[in-house]
Amino acid sequence: MTNKGTCRYCKNIVFFDDPVDDDESEEKAVTMCDCNGARIWQRAKERQERAKDNIELAIHETDEKVCEYLKQCVELVDRRNIAKITVNNGRGVTVTVSKTNKDTIKVAKKVSKDVVYDE
């Protein structure tokens, strides 16, 4: 069975063998198209997935909810809707997600050794 989808950037019809839903066919078409707009979208998608993987490595073991929140913010940082987001979990771990001038998404983790317990 051959399915088809339309690239949202160049409006070309792309045929593929994988059975997908109608709402997923456009994204599959953009993934397979080689027009300039689709290539930019593909690079952005790869960049965002790498940033989410880095967030997972940085903070998942200490705080899963903060990790999920930062993953949701990756697309906003990539589109520059948010310049930088910094999250401190209150237990000495600070994670910052920002976009660099070289068009990469930077995930920085800082662990504070000065943990003060106050009553």
Protein backbone atom coordinates (compact mmCIF):
# COMPACT_ATOMS: atom_id res chain seq x y z
CA MET A 1 0.00 0.00 0.00
CA THR A 2 1.42 3.36 -1.02
CA ASN A 3 0.50 6.45 0.91
CA LYS A 4 1.09 10.05 -0.03
CA GLY A 5 1.50 13.33 1.71
CA THR A 6 2.01 16.94 0.69
CA CYS A 7 5.07 18.91 1.76
CA ARG A 8 3.91 22.06 3.55
CA TYR A 9 6.82 24.07 2.15
CA CYS A 10 6.93 23.28 -1.59
CA LYS A 11 3.50 21.58 -1.95
CA ASN A 12 5.07 18.59 -3.73
CA ILE A 13 3.36 15.24 -3.29
CA VAL A 14 5.60 12.67 -1.63
CA PHE A 15 4.83 8.95 -1.88
CA PHE A 16 5.90 6.51 0.84
CA ASP A 17 5.23 2.89 1.76
CA ASP A 18 4.64 3.26 5.49
CA PRO A 19 0.97 3.29 6.48
CA VAL A 20 0.26 6.46 8.48
CA ASP A 21 -2.80 8.45 9.50
CA ASP A 22 -3.92 11.44 7.45
CA ASP A 23 -2.75 13.92 10.09
CA GLU A 24 0.71 12.27 10.19
CA SER A 25 1.10 12.17 6.40
CA GLU A 26 2.11 15.85 6.15
CA GLU A 27 4.90 15.46 8.72
CA LYS A 28 6.09 12.26 7.02
CA ALA A 29 6.11 14.11 3.66
CA VAL A 30 8.18 16.98 5.11
CA THR A 31 10.56 14.42 6.62
CA MET A 32 11.12 12.82 3.20
CA CYS A 33 11.06 15.92 0.97
CA ASP A 34 14.33 17.52 -0.14
CA CYS A 35 13.18 21.10 -0.74
CA ASN A 36 14.96 23.93 1.08
CA GLY A 37 12.16 24.54 3.60
CA ALA A 38 11.89 20.85 4.45
CA ARG A 39 15.66 20.56 4.95
CA ILE A 40 15.59 23.51 7.37
CA TRP A 41 12.70 21.85 9.24
CA GLN A 42 14.55 18.51 9.32
CA ARG A 43 17.70 20.11 10.78
CA ALA A 44 15.61 21.91 13.42
CA LYS A 45 13.86 18.66 14.36
CA GLU A 46 17.23 16.85 14.72
CA ARG A 47 18.63 19.75 16.77
CA GLN A 48 15.62 19.65 19.09
CA GLU A 49 15.86 15.87 19.55
CA ARG A 50 19.56 16.12 20.43
CA ALA A 51 18.77 18.87 22.97
CA LYS A 52 16.04 16.73 24.55
CA ASP A 53 18.49 13.83 24.81
CA ASN A 54 21.02 16.14 26.49
CA ILE A 55 18.38 17.34 28.96
CA GLU A 56 17.58 13.72 29.71
CA LEU A 57 21.26 13.06 30.44
CA ALA A 58 21.62 16.20 32.55
CA ILE A 59 18.70 16.06 34.95
CA HIS A 60 16.49 12.99 34.52
CA GLU A 61 18.16 11.12 37.37
CA THR A 62 17.54 13.95 39.84
CA ASP A 63 14.14 15.30 38.85
CA GLU A 64 11.90 13.74 36.19
CA LYS A 65 9.23 16.49 36.25
CA VAL A 66 11.80 19.24 35.66
CA CYS A 67 13.23 17.16 32.83
CA GLU A 68 9.83 16.92 31.11
CA TYR A 69 9.22 20.66 31.58
CA LEU A 70 12.56 21.56 29.96
CA LYS A 71 11.87 19.22 27.05
CA GLN A 72 8.64 21.11 26.39
CA CYS A 73 10.58 24.40 26.29
CA VAL A 74 13.15 23.21 23.71
CA GLU A 75 11.03 24.17 20.69
CA LEU A 76 10.40 27.67 22.08
CA VAL A 77 14.13 28.17 22.65
CA ASP A 78 14.91 26.86 19.15
CA ARG A 79 12.45 29.28 17.54
CA ARG A 80 13.88 32.04 19.78
CA ASN A 81 10.52 32.73 21.43
CA ILE A 82 12.49 32.26 24.66
CA ALA A 83 16.11 33.41 24.69
CA LYS A 84 17.14 31.22 27.62
CA ILE A 85 15.49 29.22 30.34
CA THR A 86 17.16 28.41 33.64
CA VAL A 87 15.70 25.96 36.13
CA ASN A 88 16.98 25.38 39.65
CA ASN A 89 15.49 22.33 41.35
CA GLY A 90 16.27 23.63 44.84
CA ARG A 91 18.72 20.84 45.60
CA GLY A 92 21.84 22.36 44.09
CA VAL A 93 21.25 21.51 40.41
CA THR A 94 20.74 24.29 37.86
CA VAL A 95 20.06 23.53 34.18
CA THR A 96 20.10 26.21 31.47
CA VAL A 97 18.82 25.75 27.92
CA SER A 98 19.71 28.40 25.32
CA LYS A 99 20.37 28.79 21.61
CA THR A 100 23.86 29.71 20.47
CA ASN A 101 24.93 31.97 17.60
CA LYS A 102 26.09 28.84 15.76
CA ASP A 103 22.45 27.65 15.60
CA THR A 104 22.81 24.91 18.20
CA ILE A 105 20.88 24.39 21.40
CA LYS A 106 23.11 24.46 24.47
CA VAL A 107 22.17 22.52 27.60
CA ALA A 108 24.33 23.45 30.60
CA LYS A 109 24.15 21.75 33.99
CA LYS A 110 25.69 23.28 37.08
CA VAL A 111 25.90 21.41 40.35
CA SER A 112 26.41 23.51 43.45
CA LYS A 113 28.43 21.91 46.18
CA ASP A 114 27.34 24.55 48.68
CA VAL A 115 24.08 23.04 49.85
CA VAL A 116 22.76 24.89 52.89
CA TYR A 117 20.04 23.43 55.07
CA ASP A 118 18.18 26.12 56.95
CA GLU A 119 15.31 25.74 59.41
